[in-house]
N, C-alpha and C. Protein backbone atom coordinates (compact mmCIF):
# COMPACT_ATOMS: atom_id res chain seq x y z
N MET A 1 -8.49 17.12 -10.53
CA MET A 1 -8.03 16.24 -9.48
C MET A 1 -6.64 15.60 -9.75
N ALA A 2 -5.83 15.59 -8.80
CA ALA A 2 -4.50 14.95 -8.96
C ALA A 2 -4.64 13.48 -9.20
N THR A 3 -3.63 12.91 -9.90
CA THR A 3 -3.61 11.44 -10.11
C THR A 3 -3.15 10.71 -8.78
N MET A 4 -3.45 9.45 -8.70
CA MET A 4 -3.00 8.66 -7.57
C MET A 4 -1.49 8.77 -7.42
N THR A 5 -0.80 8.73 -8.50
CA THR A 5 0.65 8.80 -8.45
C THR A 5 1.14 10.10 -7.86
N GLN A 6 0.46 11.22 -8.32
CA GLN A 6 0.82 12.57 -7.79
C GLN A 6 0.52 12.63 -6.27
N ILE A 7 -0.61 12.10 -5.89
CA ILE A 7 -0.97 12.20 -4.47
C ILE A 7 -0.03 11.36 -3.60
N ILE A 8 0.33 10.18 -4.07
CA ILE A 8 1.30 9.36 -3.26
C ILE A 8 2.66 10.04 -3.16
N ASN A 9 3.15 10.59 -4.30
CA ASN A 9 4.43 11.24 -4.29
C ASN A 9 4.39 12.49 -3.39
N GLU A 10 3.32 13.21 -3.35
CA GLU A 10 3.19 14.38 -2.45
C GLU A 10 3.15 14.01 -1.04
N LEU A 11 2.35 12.96 -0.74
CA LEU A 11 2.30 12.49 0.62
C LEU A 11 3.63 11.93 1.13
N VAL A 12 4.33 11.15 0.33
CA VAL A 12 5.62 10.67 0.70
C VAL A 12 6.55 11.79 1.02
N ALA A 13 6.56 12.77 0.13
CA ALA A 13 7.45 13.94 0.24
C ALA A 13 7.22 14.65 1.58
N GLY A 14 5.93 14.79 1.98
CA GLY A 14 5.57 15.45 3.22
C GLY A 14 5.70 14.61 4.45
N TRP A 15 5.85 13.25 4.29
CA TRP A 15 5.91 12.37 5.43
C TRP A 15 7.21 12.52 6.23
N GLY A 16 8.24 12.83 5.52
CA GLY A 16 9.53 13.05 6.22
C GLY A 16 10.36 11.77 6.43
N LYS A 17 10.02 10.70 5.75
CA LYS A 17 10.78 9.47 5.78
C LYS A 17 10.66 8.72 4.51
N PRO A 18 11.58 7.74 4.23
CA PRO A 18 11.48 7.03 2.98
C PRO A 18 10.25 6.19 2.89
N PRO A 19 9.72 5.94 1.66
CA PRO A 19 8.60 5.06 1.54
C PRO A 19 8.74 3.70 2.18
N TYR A 20 9.92 3.13 2.19
CA TYR A 20 10.13 1.79 2.83
C TYR A 20 9.80 1.94 4.28
N ASP A 21 10.12 2.97 4.96
CA ASP A 21 9.85 3.12 6.37
C ASP A 21 8.33 3.36 6.57
N ILE A 22 7.73 4.11 5.65
CA ILE A 22 6.26 4.26 5.75
C ILE A 22 5.55 2.93 5.75
N ASN A 23 6.00 2.13 4.75
CA ASN A 23 5.42 0.77 4.60
C ASN A 23 5.59 -0.14 5.74
N ASN A 24 6.67 0.04 6.47
CA ASN A 24 7.02 -0.84 7.56
C ASN A 24 6.73 -0.20 8.87
N GLY A 25 5.42 0.12 9.10
CA GLY A 25 4.99 0.63 10.41
C GLY A 25 3.96 1.67 10.39
N GLU A 26 3.83 2.42 9.20
CA GLU A 26 2.84 3.48 9.12
C GLU A 26 1.93 3.36 7.91
N CYS A 27 1.84 2.12 7.37
CA CYS A 27 1.05 1.94 6.12
C CYS A 27 -0.41 2.28 6.36
N ASP A 28 -0.94 1.94 7.55
CA ASP A 28 -2.29 2.22 7.85
C ASP A 28 -2.62 3.74 7.88
N ASP A 29 -1.70 4.53 8.49
CA ASP A 29 -1.84 6.00 8.49
C ASP A 29 -1.73 6.60 7.14
N PHE A 30 -0.76 6.04 6.37
CA PHE A 30 -0.56 6.53 4.99
C PHE A 30 -1.81 6.25 4.13
N MET A 31 -2.37 5.02 4.27
CA MET A 31 -3.49 4.80 3.43
C MET A 31 -4.72 5.68 3.86
N MET A 32 -4.82 6.01 5.08
CA MET A 32 -5.91 6.91 5.51
C MET A 32 -5.70 8.27 4.94
N ALA A 33 -4.37 8.73 4.84
CA ALA A 33 -4.09 10.01 4.26
C ALA A 33 -4.52 10.03 2.74
N ILE A 34 -4.26 8.93 2.08
CA ILE A 34 -4.66 8.83 0.68
C ILE A 34 -6.15 8.84 0.57
N TYR A 35 -6.84 8.09 1.45
CA TYR A 35 -8.29 8.01 1.53
C TYR A 35 -8.87 9.35 1.71
N ASP A 36 -8.33 10.15 2.59
CA ASP A 36 -8.72 11.52 2.91
C ASP A 36 -8.57 12.41 1.65
N ARG A 37 -7.51 12.29 0.94
CA ARG A 37 -7.23 13.09 -0.27
C ARG A 37 -8.24 12.77 -1.31
N PHE A 38 -8.71 11.48 -1.43
CA PHE A 38 -9.65 11.13 -2.43
C PHE A 38 -11.13 11.32 -1.96
N GLY A 39 -11.31 11.86 -0.84
CA GLY A 39 -12.65 12.07 -0.33
C GLY A 39 -13.38 10.74 0.10
N GLY A 40 -12.62 9.82 0.50
CA GLY A 40 -13.25 8.51 1.02
C GLY A 40 -13.83 7.65 -0.05
N ILE A 41 -13.39 7.76 -1.30
CA ILE A 41 -13.96 6.91 -2.36
C ILE A 41 -13.12 5.72 -2.78
N LEU A 42 -12.10 5.48 -1.98
CA LEU A 42 -11.17 4.35 -2.37
C LEU A 42 -11.40 3.14 -1.54
N ASN A 43 -11.03 1.95 -2.14
CA ASN A 43 -10.95 0.72 -1.34
C ASN A 43 -9.53 0.59 -0.80
N HIS A 44 -9.43 0.06 0.46
CA HIS A 44 -8.15 -0.25 0.97
C HIS A 44 -8.19 -1.67 1.42
N TYR A 45 -7.07 -2.34 1.38
CA TYR A 45 -6.99 -3.74 1.72
C TYR A 45 -5.85 -4.06 2.70
N GLY A 46 -6.04 -5.14 3.35
CA GLY A 46 -4.98 -5.74 4.18
C GLY A 46 -4.70 -7.16 3.72
N VAL A 47 -3.73 -7.73 4.31
CA VAL A 47 -3.34 -9.12 3.80
C VAL A 47 -4.53 -10.02 3.91
N GLY A 48 -5.25 -9.97 4.99
CA GLY A 48 -6.40 -10.89 5.23
C GLY A 48 -7.50 -10.71 4.19
N ASP A 49 -7.65 -9.55 3.60
CA ASP A 49 -8.70 -9.26 2.70
C ASP A 49 -8.40 -9.99 1.31
N MET A 50 -7.21 -10.19 1.02
CA MET A 50 -6.82 -10.79 -0.29
C MET A 50 -6.60 -12.23 -0.19
N ALA A 51 -6.70 -12.83 1.05
CA ALA A 51 -6.37 -14.24 1.26
C ALA A 51 -7.44 -15.20 0.71
N THR A 52 -7.00 -16.32 0.38
CA THR A 52 -7.88 -17.36 -0.01
C THR A 52 -7.95 -18.45 1.02
N THR A 53 -8.03 -19.72 0.68
CA THR A 53 -8.18 -20.82 1.69
C THR A 53 -6.89 -20.85 2.63
N ILE A 54 -5.72 -20.81 1.95
CA ILE A 54 -4.51 -20.71 2.79
C ILE A 54 -4.22 -19.20 2.85
N THR A 55 -4.23 -18.68 4.02
CA THR A 55 -4.07 -17.21 4.15
C THR A 55 -2.60 -16.79 3.83
N GLU A 56 -2.51 -15.67 3.27
CA GLU A 56 -1.18 -15.11 2.88
C GLU A 56 -0.34 -14.88 4.11
N SER A 57 -0.97 -14.51 5.26
CA SER A 57 -0.20 -14.40 6.46
C SER A 57 0.35 -15.79 6.88
N ASP A 58 -0.30 -16.86 6.64
CA ASP A 58 0.16 -18.20 6.93
C ASP A 58 1.37 -18.46 5.97
N LEU A 59 1.39 -17.85 4.90
CA LEU A 59 2.55 -18.17 3.99
C LEU A 59 3.74 -17.23 4.22
N GLY A 60 3.69 -16.40 5.27
CA GLY A 60 4.80 -15.54 5.65
C GLY A 60 4.72 -14.08 5.14
N TYR A 61 3.63 -13.73 4.53
CA TYR A 61 3.58 -12.28 4.08
C TYR A 61 3.38 -11.34 5.29
N PRO A 62 3.97 -10.18 5.22
CA PRO A 62 3.76 -9.21 6.29
C PRO A 62 2.40 -8.66 6.32
N ASP A 63 2.00 -8.14 7.53
CA ASP A 63 0.83 -7.39 7.66
C ASP A 63 1.03 -6.09 6.91
N HIS A 64 0.09 -5.73 6.04
CA HIS A 64 0.27 -4.49 5.26
C HIS A 64 -1.10 -4.05 4.79
N ILE A 65 -1.21 -2.74 4.55
CA ILE A 65 -2.44 -2.13 4.08
C ILE A 65 -2.05 -1.29 2.83
N TRP A 66 -2.85 -1.47 1.80
CA TRP A 66 -2.61 -0.73 0.54
C TRP A 66 -4.00 -0.38 -0.05
N THR A 67 -3.94 0.36 -1.15
CA THR A 67 -5.21 0.73 -1.77
C THR A 67 -5.22 0.34 -3.24
N THR A 68 -6.43 0.33 -3.78
CA THR A 68 -6.57 0.10 -5.20
C THR A 68 -7.30 1.27 -5.83
N TYR A 69 -6.96 1.47 -7.10
CA TYR A 69 -7.67 2.57 -7.87
C TYR A 69 -7.58 2.20 -9.36
N GLN A 70 -8.61 2.22 -9.98
CA GLN A 70 -8.71 1.91 -11.49
C GLN A 70 -7.87 0.59 -11.82
N GLY A 71 -8.09 -0.45 -10.97
CA GLY A 71 -7.45 -1.71 -11.26
C GLY A 71 -6.01 -1.93 -10.84
N LEU A 72 -5.41 -0.93 -10.20
CA LEU A 72 -3.98 -1.04 -9.75
C LEU A 72 -3.98 -1.00 -8.28
N HIS A 73 -2.92 -1.52 -7.77
CA HIS A 73 -2.66 -1.60 -6.33
C HIS A 73 -1.55 -0.61 -5.96
N TYR A 74 -1.73 0.15 -4.95
CA TYR A 74 -0.73 1.20 -4.61
C TYR A 74 -0.41 1.16 -3.07
N ASP A 75 0.86 1.60 -2.81
CA ASP A 75 1.28 1.89 -1.43
C ASP A 75 2.37 2.95 -1.48
N ALA A 76 3.06 3.19 -0.39
CA ALA A 76 4.00 4.31 -0.30
C ALA A 76 5.18 4.04 -1.18
N GLU A 77 5.51 2.76 -1.39
CA GLU A 77 6.70 2.49 -2.26
C GLU A 77 6.30 2.30 -3.77
N CYS A 78 5.01 2.29 -4.04
CA CYS A 78 4.60 1.92 -5.37
C CYS A 78 3.58 3.01 -5.91
N ALA A 79 4.11 4.15 -6.16
CA ALA A 79 3.27 5.34 -6.58
C ALA A 79 2.73 5.07 -7.96
N GLY A 80 3.34 4.26 -8.76
CA GLY A 80 2.88 3.94 -10.11
C GLY A 80 1.84 2.86 -10.25
N GLY A 81 1.67 2.13 -9.11
CA GLY A 81 0.63 1.04 -9.10
C GLY A 81 1.12 -0.14 -9.84
N VAL A 82 0.56 -1.33 -9.41
CA VAL A 82 0.83 -2.63 -10.05
C VAL A 82 -0.49 -3.35 -10.17
N PRO A 83 -0.53 -4.29 -11.15
CA PRO A 83 -1.81 -4.98 -11.42
C PRO A 83 -2.21 -5.99 -10.37
N CYS A 84 -1.29 -6.47 -9.61
CA CYS A 84 -1.48 -7.53 -8.57
C CYS A 84 -0.80 -7.05 -7.24
N HIS A 85 -1.51 -7.18 -6.12
CA HIS A 85 -1.03 -6.75 -4.87
C HIS A 85 0.39 -7.49 -4.47
N LEU A 86 0.49 -8.67 -4.97
CA LEU A 86 1.70 -9.39 -4.62
C LEU A 86 2.94 -8.89 -5.36
N MET A 87 2.71 -7.98 -6.31
CA MET A 87 3.85 -7.27 -7.01
C MET A 87 4.33 -6.05 -6.24
N LEU A 88 3.63 -5.65 -5.19
CA LEU A 88 4.03 -4.51 -4.38
C LEU A 88 5.42 -4.86 -3.74
N PRO A 89 6.34 -3.93 -3.65
CA PRO A 89 7.67 -4.19 -3.16
C PRO A 89 7.71 -4.83 -1.81
N ILE A 90 6.79 -4.55 -0.95
CA ILE A 90 6.81 -5.16 0.44
C ILE A 90 6.61 -6.65 0.34
N PHE A 91 5.96 -7.14 -0.64
CA PHE A 91 5.71 -8.57 -0.85
C PHE A 91 6.78 -9.25 -1.76
N THR A 92 7.48 -8.53 -2.56
CA THR A 92 8.47 -9.09 -3.39
C THR A 92 9.94 -9.13 -2.85
N ARG A 93 10.15 -8.34 -1.77
CA ARG A 93 11.53 -8.25 -1.24
C ARG A 93 11.60 -9.18 -0.05
N PRO A 94 12.40 -10.25 -0.26
CA PRO A 94 12.61 -11.21 0.85
C PRO A 94 13.14 -10.55 2.13
N GLY A 95 12.67 -10.95 3.21
CA GLY A 95 13.09 -10.44 4.47
C GLY A 95 12.73 -9.01 4.87
N ASN A 96 11.82 -8.45 4.06
CA ASN A 96 11.35 -7.10 4.25
C ASN A 96 10.26 -7.01 5.29
N TYR A 97 9.95 -8.08 5.93
CA TYR A 97 8.70 -8.13 6.77
C TYR A 97 9.03 -7.56 8.13
N HIS A 98 8.00 -6.80 8.62
CA HIS A 98 8.10 -6.21 9.95
C HIS A 98 7.27 -7.03 10.96
């Protein structure tokens, strides 16, 4: 089986647009493509899923969907994964919100 990094890189290459653009409007479709490649065994999350008492959307985070695998969080811009979803580029780049 291909690694998560390989799958994300292959999907991005076939998507026909930069990872930034995928994350800003097509993240849900991209996550479903990853989900399909893994045979439906992955978790995927949105901003509301990771929120606590004060929601992340209330703090100005963008709506976004990403996946986790073996303790790391992944999206189109982060094929290598990060240990915390708030380290994904869409959350760390000011003004990147759609």
